[in-house]
Amino acid sequence: MKLRIICKSKIHRATVTEANVNYIGSISIDEALMKLTGIVSGEQVAVWNLNNGERIDTYAIPSPEGSGAIVVNGAAARHFQVGDLVIIAAFYLTDEPVVPQMILVDEKNRFVKHLVGGQ
C-alpha cells in the first residue's frame, strides 16, 4: 500500500476579512464554505497568501454561516492583512482515489462555482 497526500478540499481566492493576533489560533471560515468543501471544524488546513507568498498550516473553525468571514487568528495574523487573497486547502493521506471539493469565491467570499480538476 502506498499512501499519498492528496488535496481533498480547496477554497480559491478567498478574501481575509480580519486578522486577530489576540485569538488563540486557527482560521475562522464561513461555515457555508466549509460545508461546500467538506472541511470540518478542527481539521488541519493550509493557507496560502496570494499577496505576499506566506504559507501556513493551522486548523479550521467555523464562522457564522453566510457571514463571508475569513479570519486569520493568533500568531499567523501577523502574516495576513484584511483584503489579502488566500487559498485554503485540506488534504487526505490515502491510497484511494479522491474527488476534491474545490470552489471559487467572489470578493465577499460568496460561492461562485465548483472548480473541476483544480481549474
PDB file of N, CA and C in Angstrom:
ATOM      1  N   MET A   1       0.851  -1.171   0.000  1.00  0.00           N
ATOM      2  CA  MET A   1       0.000   0.000   0.000  1.00  0.00           C
ATOM      3  C   MET A   1       0.901   1.240   0.000  1.00  0.00           C
ATOM      4  N   LYS A   2       0.613   2.164  -0.910  1.00  0.00           N
ATOM      5  CA  LYS A   2       1.331   3.443  -0.958  1.00  0.00           C
ATOM      6  C   LYS A   2       0.366   4.550  -0.569  1.00  0.00           C
ATOM      7  N   LEU A   3       0.648   5.196   0.539  1.00  0.00           N
ATOM      8  CA  LEU A   3      -0.182   6.320   0.949  1.00  0.00           C
ATOM      9  C   LEU A   3       0.372   7.592   0.333  1.00  0.00           C
ATOM     10  N   ARG A   4      -0.541   8.413  -0.146  1.00  0.00           N
ATOM     11  CA  ARG A   4      -0.161   9.699  -0.721  1.00  0.00           C
ATOM     12  C   ARG A   4      -0.992  10.790  -0.052  1.00  0.00           C
ATOM     13  N   ILE A   5      -0.414  11.974  -0.002  1.00  0.00           N
ATOM     14  CA  ILE A   5      -1.159  13.136   0.488  1.00  0.00           C
ATOM     15  C   ILE A   5      -1.831  13.759  -0.726  1.00  0.00           C
ATOM     16  N   ILE A   6      -3.167  13.758  -0.720  1.00  0.00           N
ATOM     17  CA  ILE A   6      -3.965  14.194  -1.864  1.00  0.00           C
ATOM     18  C   ILE A   6      -4.863  15.357  -1.439  1.00  0.00           C
ATOM     19  N   CYS A   7      -4.938  16.383  -2.276  1.00  0.00           N
ATOM     20  CA  CYS A   7      -5.830  17.514  -1.992  1.00  0.00           C
ATOM     21  C   CYS A   7      -7.274  17.036  -2.004  1.00  0.00           C
ATOM     22  N   LYS A   8      -8.010  17.329  -0.941  1.00  0.00           N
ATOM     23  CA  LYS A   8      -9.415  16.942  -0.843  1.00  0.00           C
ATOM     24  C   LYS A   8     -10.360  18.135  -0.892  1.00  0.00           C
ATOM     25  N   SER A   9      -9.858  19.311  -0.512  1.00  0.00           N
ATOM     26  CA  SER A   9     -10.711  20.497  -0.407  1.00  0.00           C
ATOM     27  C   SER A   9      -9.903  21.737  -0.752  1.00  0.00           C
ATOM     28  N   LYS A  10     -10.564  22.691  -1.437  1.00  0.00           N
ATOM     29  CA  LYS A  10      -9.883  23.965  -1.697  1.00  0.00           C
ATOM     30  C   LYS A  10     -10.912  25.079  -1.823  1.00  0.00           C
ATOM     31  N   ILE A  11     -10.627  26.181  -1.136  1.00  0.00           N
ATOM     32  CA  ILE A  11     -11.385  27.423  -1.292  1.00  0.00           C
ATOM     33  C   ILE A  11     -10.425  28.383  -1.975  1.00  0.00           C
ATOM     34  N   HIS A  12     -10.751  28.764  -3.210  1.00  0.00           N
ATOM     35  CA  HIS A  12      -9.820  29.524  -4.044  1.00  0.00           C
ATOM     36  C   HIS A  12     -10.176  31.010  -4.062  1.00  0.00           C
ATOM     37  N   ARG A  13      -9.175  31.844  -3.779  1.00  0.00           N
ATOM     38  CA  ARG A  13      -9.265  33.304  -3.841  1.00  0.00           C
ATOM     39  C   ARG A  13     -10.236  33.891  -2.816  1.00  0.00           C
ATOM     40  N   ALA A  14     -10.194  33.342  -1.599  1.00  0.00           N
ATOM     41  CA  ALA A  14     -10.966  33.942  -0.506  1.00  0.00           C
ATOM     42  C   ALA A  14     -10.271  35.226  -0.065  1.00  0.00           C
ATOM     43  N   THR A  15     -11.042  36.143   0.484  1.00  0.00           N
ATOM     44  CA  THR A  15     -10.517  37.424   0.955  1.00  0.00           C
ATOM     45  C   THR A  15     -10.502  37.440   2.477  1.00  0.00           C
ATOM     46  N   VAL A  16      -9.349  37.750   3.054  1.00  0.00           N
ATOM     47  CA  VAL A  16      -9.241  37.853   4.516  1.00  0.00           C
ATOM     48  C   VAL A  16     -10.084  39.040   4.983  1.00  0.00           C
ATOM     49  N   THR A  17     -10.992  38.780   5.924  1.00  0.00           N
ATOM     50  CA  THR A  17     -11.865  39.839   6.441  1.00  0.00           C
ATOM     51  C   THR A  17     -11.390  40.385   7.786  1.00  0.00           C
ATOM     52  N   GLU A  18     -10.522  39.613   8.462  1.00  0.00           N
ATOM     53  CA  GLU A  18      -9.992  40.059   9.761  1.00  0.00           C
ATOM     54  C   GLU A  18      -8.717  39.273  10.051  1.00  0.00           C
ATOM     55  N   ALA A  19      -7.788  39.908  10.734  1.00  0.00           N
ATOM     56  CA  ALA A  19      -6.579  39.249  11.242  1.00  0.00           C
ATOM     57  C   ALA A  19      -6.510  39.573  12.729  1.00  0.00           C
ATOM     58  N   ASN A  20      -6.717  38.558  13.574  1.00  0.00           N
ATOM     59  CA  ASN A  20      -6.865  38.761  15.015  1.00  0.00           C
ATOM     60  C   ASN A  20      -5.723  38.081  15.765  1.00  0.00           C
ATOM     61  N   VAL A  21      -4.660  38.830  16.020  1.00  0.00           N
ATOM     62  CA  VAL A  21      -3.481  38.272  16.684  1.00  0.00           C
ATOM     63  C   VAL A  21      -3.773  37.840  18.121  1.00  0.00           C
ATOM     64  N   ASN A  22      -4.801  38.373  18.754  1.00  0.00           N
ATOM     65  CA  ASN A  22      -5.102  38.069  20.151  1.00  0.00           C
ATOM     66  C   ASN A  22      -5.941  36.810  20.349  1.00  0.00           C
ATOM     67  N   TYR A  23      -6.446  36.223  19.267  1.00  0.00           N
ATOM     68  CA  TYR A  23      -7.187  34.967  19.383  1.00  0.00           C
ATOM     69  C   TYR A  23      -6.175  33.832  19.502  1.00  0.00           C
ATOM     70  N   ILE A  24      -6.554  32.705  20.087  1.00  0.00           N
ATOM     71  CA  ILE A  24      -5.582  31.661  20.415  1.00  0.00           C
ATOM     72  C   ILE A  24      -5.042  30.878  19.218  1.00  0.00           C
ATOM     73  N   GLY A  25      -5.569  31.043  18.061  1.00  0.00           N
ATOM     74  CA  GLY A  25      -5.062  30.327  16.890  1.00  0.00           C
ATOM     75  C   GLY A  25      -6.176  29.976  15.941  1.00  0.00           C
ATOM     76  N   SER A  26      -5.839  29.371  14.823  1.00  0.00           N
ATOM     77  CA  SER A  26      -6.787  28.847  13.846  1.00  0.00           C
ATOM     78  C   SER A  26      -7.103  29.837  12.728  1.00  0.00           C
ATOM     79  N   ILE A  27      -7.967  29.391  11.820  1.00  0.00           N
ATOM     80  CA  ILE A  27      -8.572  30.265  10.827  1.00  0.00           C
ATOM     81  C   ILE A  27     -10.072  30.027  10.890  1.00  0.00           C
ATOM     82  N   SER A  28     -10.832  31.096  11.018  1.00  0.00           N
ATOM     83  CA  SER A  28     -12.292  31.012  11.025  1.00  0.00           C
ATOM     84  C   SER A  28     -12.765  31.139   9.584  1.00  0.00           C
ATOM     85  N   ILE A  29     -13.576  30.172   9.152  1.00  0.00           N
ATOM     86  CA  ILE A  29     -14.058  30.120   7.770  1.00  0.00           C
ATOM     87  C   ILE A  29     -15.577  30.083   7.795  1.00  0.00           C
ATOM     88  N   ASP A  30     -16.211  30.892   6.955  1.00  0.00           N
ATOM     89  CA  ASP A  30     -17.668  30.868   6.817  1.00  0.00           C
ATOM     90  C   ASP A  30     -18.122  29.404   6.734  1.00  0.00           C
ATOM     91  N   GLU A  31     -19.031  29.026   7.617  1.00  0.00           N
ATOM     92  CA  GLU A  31     -19.469  27.632   7.689  1.00  0.00           C
ATOM     93  C   GLU A  31     -20.065  27.134   6.373  1.00  0.00           C
ATOM     94  N   ALA A  32     -20.685  28.011   5.605  1.00  0.00           N
ATOM     95  CA  ALA A  32     -21.230  27.595   4.306  1.00  0.00           C
ATOM     96  C   ALA A  32     -20.114  27.111   3.383  1.00  0.00           C
ATOM     97  N   LEU A  33     -18.964  27.791   3.417  1.00  0.00           N
ATOM     98  CA  LEU A  33     -17.830  27.391   2.580  1.00  0.00           C
ATOM     99  C   LEU A  33     -17.222  26.087   3.089  1.00  0.00           C
ATOM    100  N   MET A  34     -17.198  25.903   4.405  1.00  0.00           N
ATOM    101  CA  MET A  34     -16.700  24.646   4.964  1.00  0.00           C
ATOM    102  C   MET A  34     -17.573  23.484   4.503  1.00  0.00           C
ATOM    103  N   LYS A  35     -18.884  23.668   4.521  1.00  0.00           N
ATOM    104  CA  LYS A  35     -19.793  22.602   4.087  1.00  0.00           C
ATOM    105  C   LYS A  35     -19.600  22.282   2.609  1.00  0.00           C
ATOM    106  N   LEU A  36     -19.448  23.309   1.787  1.00  0.00           N
ATOM    107  CA  LEU A  36     -19.278  23.100   0.342  1.00  0.00           C
ATOM    108  C   LEU A  36     -17.999  22.341   0.003  1.00  0.00           C
ATOM    109  N   THR A  37     -16.983  22.463   0.838  1.00  0.00           N
ATOM    110  CA  THR A  37     -15.692  21.839   0.549  1.00  0.00           C
ATOM    111  C   THR A  37     -15.391  20.630   1.432  1.00  0.00           C
ATOM    112  N   GLY A  38     -16.256  20.319   2.371  1.00  0.00           N
ATOM    113  CA  GLY A  38     -16.037  19.167   3.235  1.00  0.00           C
ATOM    114  C   GLY A  38     -14.990  19.384   4.309  1.00  0.00           C
ATOM    115  N   ILE A  39     -14.636  20.626   4.579  1.00  0.00           N
ATOM    116  CA  ILE A  39     -13.703  20.929   5.670  1.00  0.00           C
ATOM    117  C   ILE A  39     -14.493  20.915   6.978  1.00  0.00           C
ATOM    118  N   VAL A  40     -13.965  20.225   7.988  1.00  0.00           N
ATOM    119  CA  VAL A  40     -14.675  20.131   9.265  1.00  0.00           C
ATOM    120  C   VAL A  40     -13.928  20.904  10.350  1.00  0.00           C
ATOM    121  N   SER A  41     -14.657  21.260  11.384  1.00  0.00           N
ATOM    122  CA  SER A  41     -14.069  22.006  12.494  1.00  0.00           C
ATOM    123  C   SER A  41     -12.915  21.219  13.106  1.00  0.00           C
ATOM    124  N   GLY A  42     -11.793  21.892  13.286  1.00  0.00           N
ATOM    125  CA  GLY A  42     -10.612  21.266  13.861  1.00  0.00           C
ATOM    126  C   GLY A  42      -9.678  20.639  12.843  1.00  0.00           C
ATOM    127  N   GLU A  43     -10.104  20.552  11.596  1.00  0.00           N
ATOM    128  CA  GLU A  43      -9.273  19.931  10.556  1.00  0.00           C
ATOM    129  C   GLU A  43      -8.082  20.817  10.203  1.00  0.00           C
ATOM    130  N   GLN A  44      -6.939  20.187   9.985  1.00  0.00           N
ATOM    131  CA  GLN A  44      -5.753  20.937   9.552  1.00  0.00           C
ATOM    132  C   GLN A  44      -5.966  21.449   8.136  1.00  0.00           C
ATOM    133  N   VAL A  45      -5.627  22.711   7.939  1.00  0.00           N
ATOM    134  CA  VAL A  45      -5.697  23.322   6.613  1.00  0.00           C
ATOM    135  C   VAL A  45      -4.410  24.087   6.337  1.00  0.00           C
ATOM    136  N   ALA A  46      -4.096  24.188   5.061  1.00  0.00           N
ATOM    137  CA  ALA A  46      -3.007  25.049   4.607  1.00  0.00           C
ATOM    138  C   ALA A  46      -3.636  26.346   4.133  1.00  0.00           C
ATOM    139  N   VAL A  47      -2.991  27.462   4.434  1.00  0.00           N
ATOM    140  CA  VAL A  47      -3.473  28.772   3.991  1.00  0.00           C
ATOM    141  C   VAL A  47      -2.319  29.443   3.262  1.00  0.00           C
ATOM    142  N   TRP A  48      -2.556  29.770   2.000  1.00  0.00           N
ATOM    143  CA  TRP A  48      -1.522  30.358   1.147  1.00  0.00           C
ATOM    144  C   TRP A  48      -1.931  31.778   0.787  1.00  0.00           C
ATOM    145  N   ASN A  49      -1.113  32.750   1.156  1.00  0.00           N
ATOM    146  CA  ASN A  49      -1.402  34.162   0.921  1.00  0.00           C
ATOM    147  C   ASN A  49      -0.920  34.543  -0.478  1.00  0.00           C
ATOM    148  N   LEU A  50      -1.855  34.902  -1.342  1.00  0.00           N
ATOM    149  CA  LEU A  50      -1.512  35.269  -2.717  1.00  0.00           C
ATOM    150  C   LEU A  50      -0.860  36.643  -2.803  1.00  0.00           C
ATOM    151  N   ASN A  51      -1.012  37.472  -1.770  1.00  0.00           N
ATOM    152  CA  ASN A  51      -0.432  38.815  -1.800  1.00  0.00           C
ATOM    153  C   ASN A  51       1.050  38.838  -1.452  1.00  0.00           C
ATOM    154  N   ASN A  52       1.458  37.981  -0.492  1.00  0.00           N
ATOM    155  CA  ASN A  52       2.861  38.052  -0.052  1.00  0.00           C
ATOM    156  C   ASN A  52       3.598  36.715  -0.070  1.00  0.00           C
ATOM    157  N   GLY A  53       2.927  35.652  -0.482  1.00  0.00           N
ATOM    158  CA  GLY A  53       3.583  34.357  -0.585  1.00  0.00           C
ATOM    159  C   GLY A  53       3.668  33.554   0.702  1.00  0.00           C
ATOM    160  N   GLU A  54       3.198  34.100   1.826  1.00  0.00           N
ATOM    161  CA  GLU A  54       3.229  33.357   3.095  1.00  0.00           C
ATOM    162  C   GLU A  54       2.379  32.096   2.985  1.00  0.00           C
ATOM    163  N   ARG A  55       2.856  31.025   3.612  1.00  0.00           N
ATOM    164  CA  ARG A  55       2.150  29.748   3.637  1.00  0.00           C
ATOM    165  C   ARG A  55       2.156  29.250   5.080  1.00  0.00           C
ATOM    166  N   ILE A  56       0.983  28.959   5.616  1.00  0.00           N
ATOM    167  CA  ILE A  56       0.896  28.455   6.985  1.00  0.00           C
ATOM    168  C   ILE A  56       0.010  27.222   7.027  1.00  0.00           C
ATOM    169  N   ASP A  57       0.184  26.432   8.075  1.00  0.00           N
ATOM    170  CA  ASP A  57      -0.727  25.349   8.416  1.00  0.00           C
ATOM    171  C   ASP A  57      -1.367  25.717   9.739  1.00  0.00           C
ATOM    172  N   THR A  58      -2.672  25.510   9.829  1.00  0.00           N
ATOM    173  CA  THR A  58      -3.409  25.782  11.056  1.00  0.00           C
ATOM    174  C   THR A  58      -4.616  24.855  11.063  1.00  0.00           C
ATOM    175  N   TYR A  59      -5.608  25.146  11.884  1.00  0.00           N
ATOM    176  CA  TYR A  59      -6.822  24.339  11.892  1.00  0.00           C
ATOM    177  C   TYR A  59      -8.024  25.245  11.671  1.00  0.00           C
ATOM    178  N   ALA A  60      -9.059  24.666  11.072  1.00  0.00           N
ATOM    179  CA  ALA A  60     -10.261  25.421  10.720  1.00  0.00           C
ATOM    180  C   ALA A  60     -11.274  25.402  11.853  1.00  0.00           C
ATOM    181  N   ILE A  61     -11.925  26.544  12.041  1.00  0.00           N
ATOM    182  CA  ILE A  61     -13.106  26.622  12.895  1.00  0.00           C
ATOM    183  C   ILE A  61     -14.159  27.401  12.115  1.00  0.00           C
ATOM    184  N   PRO A  62     -15.439  27.095  12.340  1.00  0.00           N
ATOM    185  CA  PRO A  62     -16.470  27.785  11.566  1.00  0.00           C
ATOM    186  C   PRO A  62     -16.748  29.189  12.089  1.00  0.00           C
ATOM    187  N   SER A  63     -16.968  30.096  11.139  1.00  0.00           N
ATOM    188  CA  SER A  63     -17.557  31.393  11.468  1.00  0.00           C
ATOM    189  C   SER A  63     -19.014  31.301  11.020  1.00  0.00           C
ATOM    190  N   PRO A  64     -19.866  32.218  11.431  1.00  0.00           N
ATOM    191  CA  PRO A  64     -21.288  32.085  11.129  1.00  0.00           C
ATOM    192  C   PRO A  64     -21.569  31.866   9.637  1.00  0.00           C
ATOM    193  N   GLU A  65     -22.467  30.919   9.384  1.00  0.00           N
ATOM    194  CA  GLU A  65     -22.830  30.576   8.014  1.00  0.00           C
ATOM    195  C   GLU A  65     -23.404  31.788   7.288  1.00  0.00           C
ATOM    196  N   GLY A  66     -22.878  32.058   6.099  1.00  0.00           N
ATOM    197  CA  GLY A  66     -23.334  33.177   5.294  1.00  0.00           C
ATOM    198  C   GLY A  66     -22.688  34.504   5.646  1.00  0.00           C
ATOM    199  N   SER A  67     -21.785  34.508   6.630  1.00  0.00           N
ATOM    200  CA  SER A  67     -21.153  35.759   7.070  1.00  0.00           C
ATOM    201  C   SER A  67     -20.080  36.247   6.108  1.00  0.00           C
ATOM    202  N   GLY A  68     -19.504  35.331   5.332  1.00  0.00           N
ATOM    203  CA  GLY A  68     -18.385  35.692   4.462  1.00  0.00           C
ATOM    204  C   GLY A  68     -17.081  35.868   5.218  1.00  0.00           C
ATOM    205  N   ALA A  69     -17.069  35.547   6.503  1.00  0.00           N
ATOM    206  CA  ALA A  69     -15.881  35.784   7.329  1.00  0.00           C
ATOM    207  C   ALA A  69     -14.772  34.781   7.029  1.00  0.00           C
ATOM    208  N   ILE A  70     -13.588  35.309   6.811  1.00  0.00           N
ATOM    209  CA  ILE A  70     -12.340  34.548   6.736  1.00  0.00           C
ATOM    210  C   ILE A  70     -11.386  35.276   7.682  1.00  0.00           C
ATOM    211  N   VAL A  71     -11.180  34.709   8.872  1.00  0.00           N
ATOM    212  CA  VAL A  71     -10.433  35.391   9.926  1.00  0.00           C
ATOM    213  C   VAL A  71      -9.191  34.570  10.282  1.00  0.00           C
ATOM    214  N   VAL A  72      -8.023  35.148  10.057  1.00  0.00           N
ATOM    215  CA  VAL A  72      -6.769  34.501  10.440  1.00  0.00           C
ATOM    216  C   VAL A  72      -6.483  34.892  11.886  1.00  0.00           C
ATOM    217  N   ASN A  73      -6.292  33.886  12.739  1.00  0.00           N
ATOM    218  CA  ASN A  73      -6.169  34.115  14.175  1.00  0.00           C
ATOM    219  C   ASN A  73      -4.779  33.772  14.699  1.00  0.00           C
ATOM    220  N   GLY A  74      -4.444  34.334  15.854  1.00  0.00           N
ATOM    221  CA  GLY A  74      -3.206  34.003  16.541  1.00  0.00           C
ATOM    222  C   GLY A  74      -1.983  34.566  15.847  1.00  0.00           C
ATOM    223  N   ALA A  75      -0.844  33.921  16.079  1.00  0.00           N
ATOM    224  CA  ALA A  75       0.432  34.411  15.553  1.00  0.00           C
ATOM    225  C   ALA A  75       0.416  34.559  14.035  1.00  0.00           C
ATOM    226  N   ALA A  76      -0.323  33.694  13.350  1.00  0.00           N
ATOM    227  CA  ALA A  76      -0.388  33.764  11.884  1.00  0.00           C
ATOM    228  C   ALA A  76      -0.965  35.089  11.399  1.00  0.00           C
ATOM    229  N   ALA A  77      -1.742  35.744  12.244  1.00  0.00           N
ATOM    230  CA  ALA A  77      -2.354  37.018  11.853  1.00  0.00           C
ATOM    231  C   ALA A  77      -1.306  38.071  11.513  1.00  0.00           C
ATOM    232  N   ARG A  78      -0.087  37.895  11.978  1.00  0.00           N
ATOM    233  CA  ARG A  78       0.987  38.841  11.652  1.00  0.00           C
ATOM    234  C   ARG A  78       1.406  38.752  10.184  1.00  0.00           C
ATOM    235  N   HIS A  79       1.006  37.681   9.504  1.00  0.00           N
ATOM    236  CA  HIS A  79       1.403  37.463   8.110  1.00  0.00           C
ATOM    237  C   HIS A  79       0.269  37.700   7.115  1.00  0.00           C
ATOM    238  N   PHE A  80      -0.896  38.115   7.620  1.00  0.00           N
ATOM    239  CA  PHE A  80      -2.067  38.324   6.772  1.00  0.00           C
ATOM    240  C   PHE A  80      -2.698  39.658   7.124  1.00  0.00           C
ATOM    241  N   GLN A  81      -3.222  40.343   6.110  1.00  0.00           N
ATOM    242  CA  GLN A  81      -3.906  41.611   6.323  1.00  0.00           C
ATOM    243  C   GLN A  81      -5.305  41.527   5.741  1.00  0.00           C
ATOM    244  N   VAL A  82      -6.199  42.333   6.279  1.00  0.00           N
ATOM    245  CA  VAL A  82      -7.539  42.428   5.715  1.00  0.00           C
ATOM    246  C   VAL A  82      -7.407  42.780   4.238  1.00  0.00           C
ATOM    247  N   GLY A  83      -8.120  42.044   3.410  1.00  0.00           N
ATOM    248  CA  GLY A  83      -8.086  42.266   1.967  1.00  0.00           C
ATOM    249  C   GLY A  83      -7.156  41.336   1.212  1.00  0.00           C
ATOM    250  N   ASP A  84      -6.248  40.647   1.921  1.00  0.00           N
ATOM    251  CA  ASP A  84      -5.365  39.693   1.244  1.00  0.00           C
ATOM    252  C   ASP A  84      -6.192  38.561   0.636  1.00  0.00           C
ATOM    253  N   LEU A  85      -5.782  38.111  -0.538  1.00  0.00           N
ATOM    254  CA  LEU A  85      -6.400  36.950  -1.172  1.00  0.00           C
ATOM    255  C   LEU A  85      -5.652  35.701  -0.735  1.00  0.00           C
ATOM    256  N   VAL A  86      -6.413  34.641  -0.423  1.00  0.00           N
ATOM    257  CA  VAL A  86      -5.806  33.403   0.056  1.00  0.00           C
ATOM    258  C   VAL A  86      -6.430  32.190  -0.624  1.00  0.00           C
ATOM    259  N   ILE A  87      -5.676  31.114  -0.591  1.00  0.00           N
ATOM    260  CA  ILE A  87      -6.181  29.791  -0.939  1.00  0.00           C
ATOM    261  C   ILE A  87      -6.145  28.979   0.349  1.00  0.00           C
ATOM    262  N   ILE A  88      -7.247  28.299   0.640  1.00  0.00           N
ATOM    263  CA  ILE A  88      -7.334  27.436   1.814  1.00  0.00           C
ATOM    264  C   ILE A  88      -7.510  26.014   1.296  1.00  0.00           C
ATOM    265  N   ALA A  89      -6.639  25.099   1.714  1.00  0.00           N
ATOM    266  CA  ALA A  89      -6.687  23.728   1.209  1.00  0.00           C
ATOM    267  C   ALA A  89      -6.573  22.732   2.353  1.00  0.00           C
ATOM    268  N   ALA A  90      -7.200  21.570   2.152  1.00  0.00           N
ATOM    269  CA  ALA A  90      -7.089  20.462   3.104  1.00  0.00           C
ATOM    270  C   ALA A  90      -6.755  19.198   2.316  1.00  0.00           C
ATOM    271  N   PHE A  91      -6.145  18.245   2.998  1.00  0.00           N
ATOM    272  CA  PHE A  91      -5.595  17.072   2.325  1.00  0.00           C
ATOM    273  C   PHE A  91      -5.963  15.791   3.059  1.00  0.00           C
ATOM    274  N   TYR A  92      -6.028  14.684   2.298  1.00  0.00           N
ATOM    275  CA  TYR A  92      -6.162  13.335   2.849  1.00  0.00           C
ATOM    276  C   TYR A  92      -4.838  12.609   2.712  1.00  0.00           C
ATOM    277  N   LEU A  93      -4.550  11.709   3.623  1.00  0.00           N
ATOM    278  CA  LEU A  93      -3.485  10.728   3.476  1.00  0.00           C
ATOM    279  C   LEU A  93      -4.201   9.429   3.131  1.00  0.00           C
ATOM    280  N   THR A  94      -4.077   8.970   1.879  1.00  0.00           N
ATOM    281  CA  THR A  94      -4.890   7.856   1.413  1.00  0.00           C
ATOM    282  C   THR A  94      -4.197   7.083   0.305  1.00  0.00           C
ATOM    283  N   ASP A  95      -4.687   5.891   0.061  1.00  0.00           N
ATOM    284  CA  ASP A  95      -4.256   5.128  -1.105  1.00  0.00           C
ATOM    285  C   ASP A  95      -5.426   4.960  -2.075  1.00  0.00           C
ATOM    286  N   GLU A  96      -6.502   5.678  -1.838  1.00  0.00           N
ATOM    287  CA  GLU A  96      -7.696   5.599  -2.677  1.00  0.00           C
ATOM    288  C   GLU A  96      -7.859   6.875  -3.491  1.00  0.00           C
ATOM    289  N   PRO A  97      -8.557   6.782  -4.626  1.00  0.00           N
ATOM    290  CA  PRO A  97      -8.817   7.986  -5.423  1.00  0.00           C
ATOM    291  C   PRO A  97      -9.664   8.989  -4.631  1.00  0.00           C
ATOM    292  N   VAL A  98      -9.402  10.254  -4.854  1.00  0.00           N
ATOM    293  CA  VAL A  98     -10.134  11.328  -4.177  1.00  0.00           C
ATOM    294  C   VAL A  98     -10.682  12.277  -5.234  1.00  0.00           C
ATOM    295  N   VAL A  99     -11.945  12.631  -5.108  1.00  0.00           N
ATOM    296  CA  VAL A  99     -12.516  13.686  -5.943  1.00  0.00           C
ATOM    297  C   VAL A  99     -12.545  14.939  -5.076  1.00  0.00           C
ATOM    298  N   PRO A 100     -11.621  15.866  -5.316  1.00  0.00           N
ATOM    299  CA  PRO A 100     -11.544  17.038  -4.445  1.00  0.00           C
ATOM    300  C   PRO A 100     -12.765  17.938  -4.590  1.00  0.00           C
ATOM    301  N   GLN A 101     -13.147  18.544  -3.478  1.00  0.00           N
ATOM    302  CA  GLN A 101     -14.237  19.511  -3.461  1.00  0.00           C
ATOM    303  C   GLN A 101     -13.607  20.898  -3.455  1.00  0.00           C
ATOM    304  N   MET A 102     -13.560  21.517  -4.639  1.00  0.00           N
ATOM    305  CA  MET A 102     -12.883  22.801  -4.805  1.00  0.00           C
ATOM    306  C   MET A 102     -13.883  23.842  -5.275  1.00  0.00           C
ATOM    307  N   ILE A 103     -13.789  25.034  -4.673  1.00  0.00           N
ATOM    308  CA  ILE A 103     -14.711  26.103  -5.045  1.00  0.00           C
ATOM    309  C   ILE A 103     -13.962  27.414  -5.267  1.00  0.00           C
ATOM    310  N   LEU A 104     -14.570  28.262  -6.061  1.00  0.00           N
ATOM    311  CA  LEU A 104     -14.124  29.640  -6.264  1.00  0.00           C
ATOM    312  C   LEU A 104     -15.115  30.537  -5.551  1.00  0.00           C
ATOM    313  N   VAL A 105     -14.600  31.559  -4.867  1.00  0.00           N
ATOM    314  CA  VAL A 105     -15.471  32.526  -4.198  1.00  0.00           C
ATOM    315  C   VAL A 105     -15.217  33.919  -4.759  1.00  0.00           C
ATOM    316  N   ASP A 106     -16.174  34.820  -4.540  1.00  0.00           N
ATOM    317  CA  ASP A 106     -16.017  36.202  -5.007  1.00  0.00           C
ATOM    318  C   ASP A 106     -15.348  37.052  -3.924  1.00  0.00           C
ATOM    319  N   GLU A 107     -15.283  38.350  -4.150  1.00  0.00           N
ATOM    320  CA  GLU A 107     -14.584  39.255  -3.226  1.00  0.00           C
ATOM    321  C   GLU A 107     -15.259  39.363  -1.861  1.00  0.00           C
ATOM    322  N   LYS A 108     -16.508  38.902  -1.745  1.00  0.00           N
ATOM    323  CA  LYS A 108     -17.209  38.893  -0.456  1.00  0.00           C
ATOM    324  C   LYS A 108     -17.275  37.478   0.123  1.00  0.00           C
ATOM    325  N   ASN A 109     -16.465  36.587  -0.440  1.00  0.00           N
ATOM    326  CA  ASN A 109     -16.388  35.191   0.000  1.00  0.00           C
ATOM    327  C   ASN A 109     -17.704  34.445  -0.158  1.00  0.00           C
ATOM    328  N   ARG A 110     -18.413  34.777  -1.219  1.00  0.00           N
ATOM    329  CA  ARG A 110     -19.625  34.046  -1.579  1.00  0.00           C
ATOM    330  C   ARG A 110     -19.269  33.033  -2.660  1.00  0.00           C
ATOM    331  N   PHE A 111     -19.896  31.873  -2.587  1.00  0.00           N
ATOM    332  CA  PHE A 111     -19.677  30.815  -3.564  1.00  0.00           C
ATOM    333  C   PHE A 111     -19.968  31.319  -4.976  1.00  0.00           C
ATOM    334  N   VAL A 112     -19.041  31.057  -5.907  1.00  0.00           N
ATOM    335  CA  VAL A 112     -19.227  31.392  -7.319  1.00  0.00           C
ATOM    336  C   VAL A 112     -19.467  30.129  -8.129  1.00  0.00           C
ATOM    337  N   LYS A 113     -18.527  29.156  -8.009  1.00  0.00           N
ATOM    338  CA  LYS A 113     -18.679  27.915  -8.774  1.00  0.00           C
ATOM    339  C   LYS A 113     -17.754  26.845  -8.216  1.00  0.00           C
ATOM    340  N   HIS A 114     -18.079  25.604  -8.579  1.00  0.00           N
ATOM    341  CA  HIS A 114     -17.196  24.481  -8.282  1.00  0.00           C
ATOM    342  C   HIS A 114     -16.076  24.474  -9.304  1.00  0.00           C
ATOM    343  N   LEU A 115     -14.881  24.140  -8.870  1.00  0.00           N
ATOM    344  CA  LEU A 115     -13.727  24.017  -9.757  1.00  0.00           C
ATOM    345  C   LEU A 115     -13.501  22.537 -10.033  1.00  0.00           C
ATOM    346  N   VAL A 116     -13.220  22.214 -11.276  1.00  0.00           N
ATOM    347  CA  VAL A 116     -13.003  20.826 -11.671  1.00  0.00           C
ATOM    348  C   VAL A 116     -11.526  20.632 -11.944  1.00  0.00           C
ATOM    349  N   GLY A 117     -10.931  19.651 -11.294  1.00  0.00           N
ATOM    350  CA  GLY A 117      -9.520  19.367 -11.514  1.00  0.00           C
ATOM    351  C   GLY A 117      -8.605  20.507 -11.126  1.00  0.00           C
ATOM    352  N   GLY A 118      -9.036  21.303 -10.162  1.00  0.00           N
ATOM    353  CA  GLY A 118      -8.215  22.417  -9.697  1.00  0.00           C
ATOM    354  C   GLY A 118      -8.253  23.629 -10.599  1.00  0.00           C
ATOM    355  N   GLN A 119      -9.101  23.617 -11.620  1.00  0.00           N
ATOM    356  CA  GLN A 119      -9.167  24.726 -12.585  1.00  0.00           C
ATOM    357  C   GLN A 119     -10.271  25.706 -12.215  1.00  0.00           C
TER     358      GLN A 119
END
